[in-house]
């Protein structure tokens, strides 16, 4: 297993880091609120959300520090304990032993990557993620990332970095859709996009024919309480409503009442559309059952009491 050398942030710059992260979080929160964050409302909403953004920024800065001092898994566990009631894992026996693995997962929310890190429990894991301002302010976290640039022509660099990490014995986790997807515990047909992953996975298979490619299904990331929050309910589309709910859940602790489920499938023999569809059909069934799950993180002690702009949890509509 590779060892990541921590890049410590001098104490005098921590407050600067938090200030920059706060500005980024505030912008992300406003953007996630759709029409509420546009025009003349934007500075008002940004000012109201500043305190929540500051709290989240402090958590991210602490997470980055702990990645450097304690490792990726311990840091992820510590942060995720504040952001979810529990993490449960299914199918760990499907994981090959003694070789690097390419994990391919759906992306139903903003804490699914942390849950995946905790479920895999490998400090040398590399995650593939979009190049976002947050990562530029978290140097220790960045050491465990391969970022995907917006420029299509530059993505060959990402592809080569993935192959290089796997060749060096480090497992890699990627979210091939590259955008937030429906949560499979809330929506039927949430895995419709997985058959579109074949081109990316086939390219990796050609370069690494013996590589273990493991499909992963993650569900339960988005809570009913977050979906029923007034700032989410006023959004004009389901996609925007879920985006707003995901961000609100990150910055408002009372909305974090969920158990995240991570299910590992058997390694894919061929990463083609039929095999991906079959794998995720089985994983979807597993997500919906209560058999064979192991709790790997318990965050049930975090406060989940009513606070500013919160509602009692209800069952979401099937739409």
C-alpha atoms as a PDB file:
ATOM      1  CA  UNK A   1       0.000   0.000   0.000  1.00  0.00           C
ATOM      2  CA  UNK A   2       1.338   3.393  -0.955  1.00  0.00           C
ATOM      3  CA  UNK A   3       1.939   6.011   1.684  1.00  0.00           C
ATOM      4  CA  UNK A   4       0.731   9.551   1.082  1.00  0.00           C
ATOM      5  CA  UNK A   5       3.104  12.128   2.532  1.00  0.00           C
ATOM      6  CA  UNK A   6       1.022  14.788   4.290  1.00  0.00           C
ATOM      7  CA  UNK A   7       1.307  18.392   3.221  1.00  0.00           C
ATOM      8  CA  UNK A   8       0.730  20.371   6.398  1.00  0.00           C
ATOM      9  CA  UNK A   9      -0.721  23.855   6.330  1.00  0.00           C
ATOM     10  CA  UNK A  10       1.102  26.408   8.536  1.00  0.00           C
ATOM     11  CA  UNK A  11      -1.054  27.571  11.439  1.00  0.00           C
ATOM     12  CA  UNK A  12      -0.916  31.182  10.355  1.00  0.00           C
ATOM     13  CA  UNK A  13      -2.605  30.342   7.039  1.00  0.00           C
ATOM     14  CA  UNK A  14      -5.452  28.217   8.424  1.00  0.00           C
ATOM     15  CA  UNK A  15      -7.720  31.251   8.903  1.00  0.00           C
ATOM     16  CA  UNK A  16      -7.003  32.308   5.310  1.00  0.00           C
ATOM     17  CA  UNK A  17      -7.885  28.809   4.128  1.00  0.00           C
ATOM     18  CA  UNK A  18     -11.194  28.903   6.026  1.00  0.00           C
ATOM     19  CA  UNK A  19     -11.997  32.345   4.606  1.00  0.00           C
ATOM     20  CA  UNK A  20     -11.435  31.148   1.049  1.00  0.00           C
ATOM     21  CA  UNK A  21     -13.417  27.954   1.650  1.00  0.00           C
ATOM     22  CA  UNK A  22     -16.255  30.011   3.162  1.00  0.00           C
ATOM     23  CA  UNK A  23     -16.465  32.173   0.043  1.00  0.00           C
ATOM     24  CA  UNK A  24     -16.540  29.071  -2.171  1.00  0.00           C
ATOM     25  CA  UNK A  25     -19.182  27.345  -0.007  1.00  0.00           C
ATOM     26  CA  UNK A  26     -21.357  30.467   0.059  1.00  0.00           C
ATOM     27  CA  UNK A  27     -21.261  30.715  -3.738  1.00  0.00           C
ATOM     28  CA  UNK A  28     -22.045  26.996  -4.100  1.00  0.00           C
ATOM     29  CA  UNK A  29     -24.972  27.305  -1.700  1.00  0.00           C
ATOM     30  CA  UNK A  30     -26.429  30.261  -3.561  1.00  0.00           C
ATOM     31  CA  UNK A  31     -25.962  28.555  -6.930  1.00  0.00           C
ATOM     32  CA  UNK A  32     -27.676  25.403  -5.620  1.00  0.00           C
ATOM     33  CA  UNK A  33     -30.757  27.420  -4.657  1.00  0.00           C
ATOM     34  CA  UNK A  34     -31.561  28.094  -8.293  1.00  0.00           C
ATOM     35  CA  UNK A  35     -33.796  31.081  -8.972  1.00  0.00           C
ATOM     36  CA  UNK A  36     -33.566  32.153  -5.301  1.00  0.00           C
ATOM     37  CA  UNK A  37     -29.880  32.893  -5.828  1.00  0.00           C
ATOM     38  CA  UNK A  38     -30.201  35.057  -8.921  1.00  0.00           C
ATOM     39  CA  UNK A  39     -30.478  38.751  -9.597  1.00  0.00           C
ATOM     40  CA  UNK A  40     -31.123  41.081  -6.688  1.00  0.00           C
ATOM     41  CA  UNK A  41     -31.795  38.130  -4.351  1.00  0.00           C
ATOM     42  CA  UNK A  42     -28.263  36.746  -4.698  1.00  0.00           C
ATOM     43  CA  UNK A  43     -26.435  39.034  -2.217  1.00  0.00           C
ATOM     44  CA  UNK A  44     -29.290  38.687   0.292  1.00  0.00           C
ATOM     45  CA  UNK A  45     -29.322  34.885   0.138  1.00  0.00           C
ATOM     46  CA  UNK A  46     -25.519  34.807   0.246  1.00  0.00           C
ATOM     47  CA  UNK A  47     -25.455  36.969   3.380  1.00  0.00           C
ATOM     48  CA  UNK A  48     -28.098  34.812   5.098  1.00  0.00           C
ATOM     49  CA  UNK A  49     -26.223  31.614   4.235  1.00  0.00           C
ATOM     50  CA  UNK A  50     -22.793  32.918   5.229  1.00  0.00           C
ATOM     51  CA  UNK A  51     -22.880  31.443   8.749  1.00  0.00           C
ATOM     52  CA  UNK A  52     -23.790  27.966   7.467  1.00  0.00           C
ATOM     53  CA  UNK A  53     -21.109  28.249   4.784  1.00  0.00           C
ATOM     54  CA  UNK A  54     -18.522  29.242   7.407  1.00  0.00           C
ATOM     55  CA  UNK A  55     -19.362  26.210   9.528  1.00  0.00           C
ATOM     56  CA  UNK A  56     -18.994  23.883   6.570  1.00  0.00           C
ATOM     57  CA  UNK A  57     -15.714  25.565   5.565  1.00  0.00           C
ATOM     58  CA  UNK A  58     -14.315  24.946   9.041  1.00  0.00           C
ATOM     59  CA  UNK A  59     -15.290  21.288   8.739  1.00  0.00           C
ATOM     60  CA  UNK A  60     -13.560  21.011   5.363  1.00  0.00           C
ATOM     61  CA  UNK A  61     -10.387  22.677   6.676  1.00  0.00           C
ATOM     62  CA  UNK A  62     -10.346  20.275   9.628  1.00  0.00           C
ATOM     63  CA  UNK A  63     -10.907  17.361   7.244  1.00  0.00           C
ATOM     64  CA  UNK A  64      -7.946  18.447   5.132  1.00  0.00           C
ATOM     65  CA  UNK A  65      -5.774  18.705   8.234  1.00  0.00           C
ATOM     66  CA  UNK A  66      -6.811  15.245   9.403  1.00  0.00           C
ATOM     67  CA  UNK A  67      -6.133  13.702   5.997  1.00  0.00           C
ATOM     68  CA  UNK A  68      -2.571  14.928   6.421  1.00  0.00           C
ATOM     69  CA  UNK A  69      -2.167  13.734  10.020  1.00  0.00           C
ATOM     70  CA  UNK A  70      -4.423  10.647  10.282  1.00  0.00           C
ATOM     71  CA  UNK A  71      -4.962   9.444   6.744  1.00  0.00           C
ATOM     72  CA  UNK A  72      -7.830   9.554   4.259  1.00  0.00           C
ATOM     73  CA  UNK A  73     -10.034   6.904   5.884  1.00  0.00           C
ATOM     74  CA  UNK A  74      -9.877   8.213   9.469  1.00  0.00           C
ATOM     75  CA  UNK A  75     -10.479  11.765   8.287  1.00  0.00           C
ATOM     76  CA  UNK A  76     -13.453  10.654   6.182  1.00  0.00           C
ATOM     77  CA  UNK A  77     -14.945   8.748   9.102  1.00  0.00           C
ATOM     78  CA  UNK A  78     -14.615  11.766  11.372  1.00  0.00           C
ATOM     79  CA  UNK A  79     -16.305  14.110   8.891  1.00  0.00           C
ATOM     80  CA  UNK A  80     -18.982  11.664   7.819  1.00  0.00           C
ATOM     81  CA  UNK A  81     -19.980  11.028  11.441  1.00  0.00           C
ATOM     82  CA  UNK A  82     -21.235  14.622  11.435  1.00  0.00           C
ATOM     83  CA  UNK A  83     -23.027  14.262   8.107  1.00  0.00           C
ATOM     84  CA  UNK A  84     -24.949  10.991   8.281  1.00  0.00           C
ATOM     85  CA  UNK A  85     -26.653   8.697  10.773  1.00  0.00           C
ATOM     86  CA  UNK A  86     -24.810   5.590   9.567  1.00  0.00           C
ATOM     87  CA  UNK A  87     -22.945   3.940   6.696  1.00  0.00           C
ATOM     88  CA  UNK A  88     -23.738   0.318   5.842  1.00  0.00           C
ATOM     89  CA  UNK A  89     -21.871  -1.935   3.394  1.00  0.00           C
ATOM     90  CA  UNK A  90     -23.013  -4.920   1.342  1.00  0.00           C
ATOM     91  CA  UNK A  91     -20.904  -7.277  -0.785  1.00  0.00           C
ATOM     92  CA  UNK A  92     -17.411  -6.636   0.542  1.00  0.00           C
ATOM     93  CA  UNK A  93     -16.708 -10.303  -0.142  1.00  0.00           C
ATOM     94  CA  UNK A  94     -16.896  -9.467  -3.851  1.00  0.00           C
ATOM     95  CA  UNK A  95     -13.701  -7.400  -3.676  1.00  0.00           C
ATOM     96  CA  UNK A  96     -10.530  -9.049  -5.027  1.00  0.00           C
ATOM     97  CA  UNK A  97      -7.633  -9.185  -2.576  1.00  0.00           C
ATOM     98  CA  UNK A  98      -4.040  -8.217  -3.248  1.00  0.00           C
ATOM     99  CA  UNK A  99      -4.531  -6.206  -6.430  1.00  0.00           C
ATOM    100  CA  UNK A 100      -5.603  -2.699  -7.396  1.00  0.00           C
ATOM    101  CA  UNK A 101      -9.279  -2.212  -8.222  1.00  0.00           C
ATOM    102  CA  UNK A 102     -11.106   0.297 -10.388  1.00  0.00           C
ATOM    103  CA  UNK A 103     -14.331   1.132  -8.522  1.00  0.00           C
ATOM    104  CA  UNK A 104     -17.089   2.644 -10.683  1.00  0.00           C
ATOM    105  CA  UNK A 105     -19.982   4.209  -8.783  1.00  0.00           C
ATOM    106  CA  UNK A 106     -23.146   6.215  -9.214  1.00  0.00           C
ATOM    107  CA  UNK A 107     -23.139   9.729  -7.771  1.00  0.00           C
ATOM    108  CA  UNK A 108     -26.368  10.506  -5.869  1.00  0.00           C
ATOM    109  CA  UNK A 109     -25.134  13.309  -3.624  1.00  0.00           C
ATOM    110  CA  UNK A 110     -22.362  15.312  -2.018  1.00  0.00           C
ATOM    111  CA  UNK A 111     -21.287  12.836   0.692  1.00  0.00           C
ATOM    112  CA  UNK A 112     -21.238   9.642  -1.376  1.00  0.00           C
ATOM    113  CA  UNK A 113     -17.468   9.885  -1.954  1.00  0.00           C
ATOM    114  CA  UNK A 114     -16.841   9.971   1.814  1.00  0.00           C
ATOM    115  CA  UNK A 115     -19.094   6.953   2.280  1.00  0.00           C
ATOM    116  CA  UNK A 116     -17.232   5.106  -0.460  1.00  0.00           C
ATOM    117  CA  UNK A 117     -13.867   5.884   1.157  1.00  0.00           C
ATOM    118  CA  UNK A 118     -15.120   4.558   4.498  1.00  0.00           C
ATOM    119  CA  UNK A 119     -16.561   1.427   2.838  1.00  0.00           C
ATOM    120  CA  UNK A 120     -13.363   0.637   0.910  1.00  0.00           C
ATOM    121  CA  UNK A 121     -11.137   1.511   3.913  1.00  0.00           C
ATOM    122  CA  UNK A 122      -7.909   2.035   1.943  1.00  0.00           C
ATOM    123  CA  UNK A 123      -5.781   5.089   2.721  1.00  0.00           C
ATOM    124  CA  UNK A 124      -4.016   4.787  -0.634  1.00  0.00           C
ATOM    125  CA  UNK A 125      -7.276   5.081  -2.590  1.00  0.00           C
ATOM    126  CA  UNK A 126      -7.329   7.627  -5.407  1.00  0.00           C
ATOM    127  CA  UNK A 127     -10.587   9.383  -6.294  1.00  0.00           C
ATOM    128  CA  UNK A 128     -11.371  10.870  -9.683  1.00  0.00           C
ATOM    129  CA  UNK A 129     -13.227  14.161  -9.257  1.00  0.00           C
ATOM    130  CA  UNK A 130     -14.138  17.251 -11.226  1.00  0.00           C
ATOM    131  CA  UNK A 131     -11.654  20.095 -10.855  1.00  0.00           C
ATOM    132  CA  UNK A 132     -13.433  22.327  -8.345  1.00  0.00           C
ATOM    133  CA  UNK A 133     -12.228  25.387  -6.367  1.00  0.00           C
ATOM    134  CA  UNK A 134     -12.672  23.490  -3.085  1.00  0.00           C
ATOM    135  CA  UNK A 135      -9.904  21.062  -3.998  1.00  0.00           C
ATOM    136  CA  UNK A 136      -7.469  23.865  -4.761  1.00  0.00           C
ATOM    137  CA  UNK A 137      -7.788  24.975  -1.142  1.00  0.00           C
ATOM    138  CA  UNK A 138      -7.280  21.495   0.381  1.00  0.00           C
ATOM    139  CA  UNK A 139      -3.727  20.345  -0.423  1.00  0.00           C
ATOM    140  CA  UNK A 140      -3.809  17.122   1.610  1.00  0.00           C
ATOM    141  CA  UNK A 141      -7.074  16.028   0.026  1.00  0.00           C
ATOM    142  CA  UNK A 142      -5.725  16.937  -3.392  1.00  0.00           C
ATOM    143  CA  UNK A 143      -2.935  14.377  -2.953  1.00  0.00           C
ATOM    144  CA  UNK A 144      -5.623  11.660  -3.071  1.00  0.00           C
ATOM    145  CA  UNK A 145      -7.353  13.041  -6.168  1.00  0.00           C
ATOM    146  CA  UNK A 146      -7.084  12.891  -9.912  1.00  0.00           C
ATOM    147  CA  UNK A 147      -9.011  15.919 -11.122  1.00  0.00           C
ATOM    148  CA  UNK A 148     -10.951  16.020 -14.375  1.00  0.00           C
ATOM    149  CA  UNK A 149     -10.545  19.299 -16.303  1.00  0.00           C
ATOM    150  CA  UNK A 150     -13.450  20.915 -18.131  1.00  0.00           C
ATOM    151  CA  UNK A 151     -11.499  20.898 -21.386  1.00  0.00           C
ATOM    152  CA  UNK A 152     -12.199  17.648 -23.274  1.00  0.00           C
ATOM    153  CA  UNK A 153      -8.756  17.751 -24.915  1.00  0.00           C
ATOM    154  CA  UNK A 154      -7.030  17.801 -21.532  1.00  0.00           C
ATOM    155  CA  UNK A 155      -8.884  14.726 -20.258  1.00  0.00           C
ATOM    156  CA  UNK A 156      -6.306  12.415 -21.817  1.00  0.00           C
ATOM    157  CA  UNK A 157      -4.042  13.526 -18.952  1.00  0.00           C
ATOM    158  CA  UNK A 158      -6.672  12.273 -16.494  1.00  0.00           C
ATOM    159  CA  UNK A 159      -6.915   8.931 -18.302  1.00  0.00           C
ATOM    160  CA  UNK A 160      -3.148   8.448 -18.164  1.00  0.00           C
ATOM    161  CA  UNK A 161      -3.055   9.401 -14.485  1.00  0.00           C
ATOM    162  CA  UNK A 162      -5.681   6.754 -13.698  1.00  0.00           C
ATOM    163  CA  UNK A 163      -3.700   4.078 -15.539  1.00  0.00           C
ATOM    164  CA  UNK A 164      -0.490   5.178 -13.815  1.00  0.00           C
ATOM    165  CA  UNK A 165      -2.064   4.964 -10.355  1.00  0.00           C
ATOM    166  CA  UNK A 166      -3.444   1.490 -11.058  1.00  0.00           C
ATOM    167  CA  UNK A 167      -0.077   0.341 -12.427  1.00  0.00           C
ATOM    168  CA  UNK A 168       1.526   1.570  -9.190  1.00  0.00           C
ATOM    169  CA  UNK A 169      -0.809  -0.635  -7.157  1.00  0.00           C
ATOM    170  CA  UNK A 170      -3.282   2.034  -5.995  1.00  0.00           C
ATOM    171  CA  UNK A 171      -7.002   1.443  -6.339  1.00  0.00           C
ATOM    172  CA  UNK A 172      -9.042   4.167  -8.047  1.00  0.00           C
ATOM    173  CA  UNK A 173     -12.680   5.186  -7.506  1.00  0.00           C
ATOM    174  CA  UNK A 174     -14.526   7.112 -10.183  1.00  0.00           C
ATOM    175  CA  UNK A 175     -18.040   8.443 -10.788  1.00  0.00           C
ATOM    176  CA  UNK A 176     -18.265   8.074 -14.594  1.00  0.00           C
ATOM    177  CA  UNK A 177     -21.452  10.087 -15.113  1.00  0.00           C
ATOM    178  CA  UNK A 178     -19.626  13.169 -13.825  1.00  0.00           C
ATOM    179  CA  UNK A 179     -22.724  14.815 -12.346  1.00  0.00           C
ATOM    180  CA  UNK A 180     -25.202  14.348  -9.504  1.00  0.00           C
ATOM    181  CA  UNK A 181     -27.607  11.494 -10.287  1.00  0.00           C
ATOM    182  CA  UNK A 182     -30.959  10.423  -8.784  1.00  0.00           C
ATOM    183  CA  UNK A 183     -30.706   8.547  -5.494  1.00  0.00           C
ATOM    184  CA  UNK A 184     -31.691   4.900  -6.187  1.00  0.00           C
ATOM    185  CA  UNK A 185     -33.475   4.662  -2.830  1.00  0.00           C
ATOM    186  CA  UNK A 186     -35.736   7.525  -3.907  1.00  0.00           C
ATOM    187  CA  UNK A 187     -36.229   6.971  -7.628  1.00  0.00           C
ATOM    188  CA  UNK A 188     -36.883   3.985  -9.877  1.00  0.00           C
ATOM    189  CA  UNK A 189     -34.656   4.045 -12.930  1.00  0.00           C
ATOM    190  CA  UNK A 190     -31.856   5.825 -11.087  1.00  0.00           C
ATOM    191  CA  UNK A 191     -29.243   3.638 -12.797  1.00  0.00           C
ATOM    192  CA  UNK A 192     -30.327   4.487 -16.343  1.00  0.00           C
ATOM    193  CA  UNK A 193     -27.033   6.268 -17.053  1.00  0.00           C
ATOM    194  CA  UNK A 194     -24.714   3.334 -16.249  1.00  0.00           C
ATOM    195  CA  UNK A 195     -24.860   1.883 -19.767  1.00  0.00           C
ATOM    196  CA  UNK A 196     -23.272   5.121 -20.956  1.00  0.00           C
ATOM    197  CA  UNK A 197     -20.085   4.289 -19.062  1.00  0.00           C
ATOM    198  CA  UNK A 198     -18.993   1.605 -21.512  1.00  0.00           C
ATOM    199  CA  UNK A 199     -16.724   3.778 -23.657  1.00  0.00           C
ATOM    200  CA  UNK A 200     -14.659   4.973 -20.685  1.00  0.00           C
ATOM    201  CA  UNK A 201     -14.398   1.530 -19.116  1.00  0.00           C
ATOM    202  CA  UNK A 202     -13.597  -0.215 -22.390  1.00  0.00           C
ATOM    203  CA  UNK A 203     -10.695   2.200 -22.910  1.00  0.00           C
ATOM    204  CA  UNK A 204      -9.290   1.269 -19.498  1.00  0.00           C
ATOM    205  CA  UNK A 205      -9.833  -2.449 -20.160  1.00  0.00           C
ATOM    206  CA  UNK A 206      -7.844  -2.261 -23.414  1.00  0.00           C
ATOM    207  CA  UNK A 207      -4.855  -0.806 -21.555  1.00  0.00           C
ATOM    208  CA  UNK A 208      -5.225  -3.053 -18.465  1.00  0.00           C
ATOM    209  CA  UNK A 209      -6.893  -6.315 -19.570  1.00  0.00           C
ATOM    210  CA  UNK A 210      -6.492  -8.042 -16.196  1.00  0.00           C
ATOM    211  CA  UNK A 211      -7.768  -5.126 -14.105  1.00  0.00           C
ATOM    212  CA  UNK A 212     -10.616  -5.797 -11.661  1.00  0.00           C
ATOM    213  CA  UNK A 213     -13.469  -3.370 -12.395  1.00  0.00           C
ATOM    214  CA  UNK A 214     -15.979  -3.395  -9.528  1.00  0.00           C
ATOM    215  CA  UNK A 215     -19.424  -1.761  -9.863  1.00  0.00           C
ATOM    216  CA  UNK A 216     -20.636   0.103  -6.780  1.00  0.00           C
ATOM    217  CA  UNK A 217     -24.156   1.280  -5.986  1.00  0.00           C
ATOM    218  CA  UNK A 218     -24.642   4.035  -3.412  1.00  0.00           C
ATOM    219  CA  UNK A 219     -28.038   5.025  -2.037  1.00  0.00           C
ATOM    220  CA  UNK A 220     -29.625   6.854   0.858  1.00  0.00           C
ATOM    221  CA  UNK A 221     -27.423   9.923   0.418  1.00  0.00           C
ATOM    222  CA  UNK A 222     -30.308  12.386   0.144  1.00  0.00           C
ATOM    223  CA  UNK A 223     -32.732  12.624   3.066  1.00  0.00           C
ATOM    224  CA  UNK A 224     -36.498  13.057   2.977  1.00  0.00           C
ATOM    225  CA  UNK A 225     -36.112  15.911   5.441  1.00  0.00           C
ATOM    226  CA  UNK A 226     -33.790  17.777   3.066  1.00  0.00           C
ATOM    227  CA  UNK A 227     -36.178  17.250   0.158  1.00  0.00           C
ATOM    228  CA  UNK A 228     -39.041  18.684   2.228  1.00  0.00           C
ATOM    229  CA  UNK A 229     -37.093  21.755   3.302  1.00  0.00           C
ATOM    230  CA  UNK A 230     -38.886  24.914   2.101  1.00  0.00           C
ATOM    231  CA  UNK A 231     -35.861  26.126   0.123  1.00  0.00           C
ATOM    232  CA  UNK A 232     -35.824  22.826  -1.763  1.00  0.00           C
ATOM    233  CA  UNK A 233     -39.576  22.557  -2.271  1.00  0.00           C
ATOM    234  CA  UNK A 234     -39.832  25.925  -4.028  1.00  0.00           C
ATOM    235  CA  UNK A 235     -37.466  24.842  -6.794  1.00  0.00           C
ATOM    236  CA  UNK A 236     -39.028  24.461 -10.230  1.00  0.00           C
ATOM    237  CA  UNK A 237     -37.789  21.015 -11.278  1.00  0.00           C
ATOM    238  CA  UNK A 238     -36.968  17.719  -9.613  1.00  0.00           C
ATOM    239  CA  UNK A 239     -33.313  18.024 -10.614  1.00  0.00           C
ATOM    240  CA  UNK A 240     -33.024  21.507  -9.116  1.00  0.00           C
ATOM    241  CA  UNK A 241     -34.979  20.471  -6.036  1.00  0.00           C
ATOM    242  CA  UNK A 242     -32.580  17.604  -5.382  1.00  0.00           C
ATOM    243  CA  UNK A 243     -29.537  19.781  -6.005  1.00  0.00           C
ATOM    244  CA  UNK A 244     -30.800  22.342  -3.493  1.00  0.00           C
ATOM    245  CA  UNK A 245     -31.639  19.594  -0.977  1.00  0.00           C
ATOM    246  CA  UNK A 246     -28.156  18.071  -1.319  1.00  0.00           C
ATOM    247  CA  UNK A 247     -26.449  21.380  -0.559  1.00  0.00           C
ATOM    248  CA  UNK A 248     -28.827  22.234   2.292  1.00  0.00           C
ATOM    249  CA  UNK A 249     -28.147  18.833   3.832  1.00  0.00           C
ATOM    250  CA  UNK A 250     -24.428  19.554   3.791  1.00  0.00           C
ATOM    251  CA  UNK A 251     -24.690  22.906   5.555  1.00  0.00           C
ATOM    252  CA  UNK A 252     -27.664  22.273   7.906  1.00  0.00           C
ATOM    253  CA  UNK A 253     -27.051  19.524  10.450  1.00  0.00           C
ATOM    254  CA  UNK A 254     -30.724  18.811  11.332  1.00  0.00           C
ATOM    255  CA  UNK A 255     -31.269  17.523   7.783  1.00  0.00           C
ATOM    256  CA  UNK A 256     -28.684  14.736   8.160  1.00  0.00           C
ATOM    257  CA  UNK A 257     -30.888  11.835   9.280  1.00  0.00           C
ATOM    258  CA  UNK A 258     -29.898   9.256   6.675  1.00  0.00           C
ATOM    259  CA  UNK A 259     -28.172   5.889   6.503  1.00  0.00           C
ATOM    260  CA  UNK A 260     -25.951   5.741   3.427  1.00  0.00           C
ATOM    261  CA  UNK A 261     -25.734   2.333   1.797  1.00  0.00           C
ATOM    262  CA  UNK A 262     -22.762   1.180  -0.296  1.00  0.00           C
ATOM    263  CA  UNK A 263     -23.133  -2.089  -2.243  1.00  0.00           C
ATOM    264  CA  UNK A 264     -20.234  -3.758  -4.074  1.00  0.00           C
ATOM    265  CA  UNK A 265     -20.945  -5.987  -7.078  1.00  0.00           C
ATOM    266  CA  UNK A 266     -18.813  -8.762  -8.520  1.00  0.00           C
ATOM    267  CA  UNK A 267     -15.966  -7.645 -10.819  1.00  0.00           C
ATOM    268  CA  UNK A 268     -17.163  -7.124 -14.380  1.00  0.00           C
ATOM    269  CA  UNK A 269     -15.871  -9.620 -16.910  1.00  0.00           C
ATOM    270  CA  UNK A 270     -16.602  -7.230 -19.749  1.00  0.00           C
ATOM    271  CA  UNK A 271     -17.574  -3.587 -19.062  1.00  0.00           C
ATOM    272  CA  UNK A 272     -20.251  -3.507 -21.769  1.00  0.00           C
ATOM    273  CA  UNK A 273     -23.803  -2.174 -21.591  1.00  0.00           C
ATOM    274  CA  UNK A 274     -25.546  -5.523 -20.880  1.00  0.00           C
ATOM    275  CA  UNK A 275     -23.140  -6.464 -18.071  1.00  0.00           C
ATOM    276  CA  UNK A 276     -23.419  -3.017 -16.476  1.00  0.00           C
ATOM    277  CA  UNK A 277     -27.216  -3.112 -16.690  1.00  0.00           C
ATOM    278  CA  UNK A 278     -27.297  -6.594 -15.128  1.00  0.00           C
ATOM    279  CA  UNK A 279     -24.865  -5.603 -12.376  1.00  0.00           C
ATOM    280  CA  UNK A 280     -26.842  -2.525 -11.376  1.00  0.00           C
ATOM    281  CA  UNK A 281     -30.139  -4.366 -11.569  1.00  0.00           C
ATOM    282  CA  UNK A 282     -28.792  -6.760  -8.923  1.00  0.00           C
ATOM    283  CA  UNK A 283     -27.233  -3.973  -6.880  1.00  0.00           C
ATOM    284  CA  UNK A 284     -30.505  -2.049  -6.942  1.00  0.00           C
ATOM    285  CA  UNK A 285     -32.271  -5.072  -5.446  1.00  0.00           C
ATOM    286  CA  UNK A 286     -29.567  -5.314  -2.766  1.00  0.00           C
ATOM    287  CA  UNK A 287     -29.967  -1.643  -1.843  1.00  0.00           C
ATOM    288  CA  UNK A 288     -33.656  -2.184  -1.192  1.00  0.00           C
ATOM    289  CA  UNK A 289     -33.286  -5.182   1.115  1.00  0.00           C
ATOM    290  CA  UNK A 290     -32.231  -5.364   4.769  1.00  0.00           C
ATOM    291  CA  UNK A 291     -30.275  -8.615   4.413  1.00  0.00           C
ATOM    292  CA  UNK A 292     -26.493  -8.857   4.355  1.00  0.00           C
ATOM    293  CA  UNK A 293     -25.652  -5.313   5.435  1.00  0.00           C
ATOM    294  CA  UNK A 294     -22.836  -4.458   7.844  1.00  0.00           C
ATOM    295  CA  UNK A 295     -22.732  -1.093   9.608  1.00  0.00           C
ATOM    296  CA  UNK A 296     -19.226   0.339   9.282  1.00  0.00           C
ATOM    297  CA  UNK A 297     -19.923   3.801  10.724  1.00  0.00           C
ATOM    298  CA  UNK A 298     -22.380   4.991  13.351  1.00  0.00           C
ATOM    299  CA  UNK A 299     -23.054   8.729  13.446  1.00  0.00           C
ATOM    300  CA  UNK A 300     -26.363   8.452  15.288  1.00  0.00           C
ATOM    301  CA  UNK A 301     -25.157  10.591  18.186  1.00  0.00           C
ATOM    302  CA  UNK A 302     -25.068  13.799  16.155  1.00  0.00           C
ATOM    303  CA  UNK A 303     -27.828  16.334  16.925  1.00  0.00           C
ATOM    304  CA  UNK A 304     -30.785  16.137  14.533  1.00  0.00           C
ATOM    305  CA  UNK A 305     -33.139  18.542  16.239  1.00  0.00           C
ATOM    306  CA  UNK A 306     -35.262  21.228  14.641  1.00  0.00           C
ATOM    307  CA  UNK A 307     -33.461  24.430  13.728  1.00  0.00           C
ATOM    308  CA  UNK A 308     -33.827  27.418  11.422  1.00  0.00           C
ATOM    309  CA  UNK A 309     -35.910  26.669   8.310  1.00  0.00           C
ATOM    310  CA  UNK A 310     -36.382  22.946   8.936  1.00  0.00           C
ATOM    311  CA  UNK A 311     -39.426  20.714   8.651  1.00  0.00           C
ATOM    312  CA  UNK A 312     -40.500  17.370  10.008  1.00  0.00           C
ATOM    313  CA  UNK A 313     -39.449  14.457   7.745  1.00  0.00           C
ATOM    314  CA  UNK A 314     -42.083  13.131   5.363  1.00  0.00           C
ATOM    315  CA  UNK A 315     -42.134  10.520   2.641  1.00  0.00           C
ATOM    316  CA  UNK A 316     -41.121  12.143  -0.668  1.00  0.00           C
ATOM    317  CA  UNK A 317     -43.462  12.069  -3.622  1.00  0.00           C
ATOM    318  CA  UNK A 318     -42.732   9.431  -6.289  1.00  0.00           C
ATOM    319  CA  UNK A 319     -42.078  12.120  -8.903  1.00  0.00           C
END
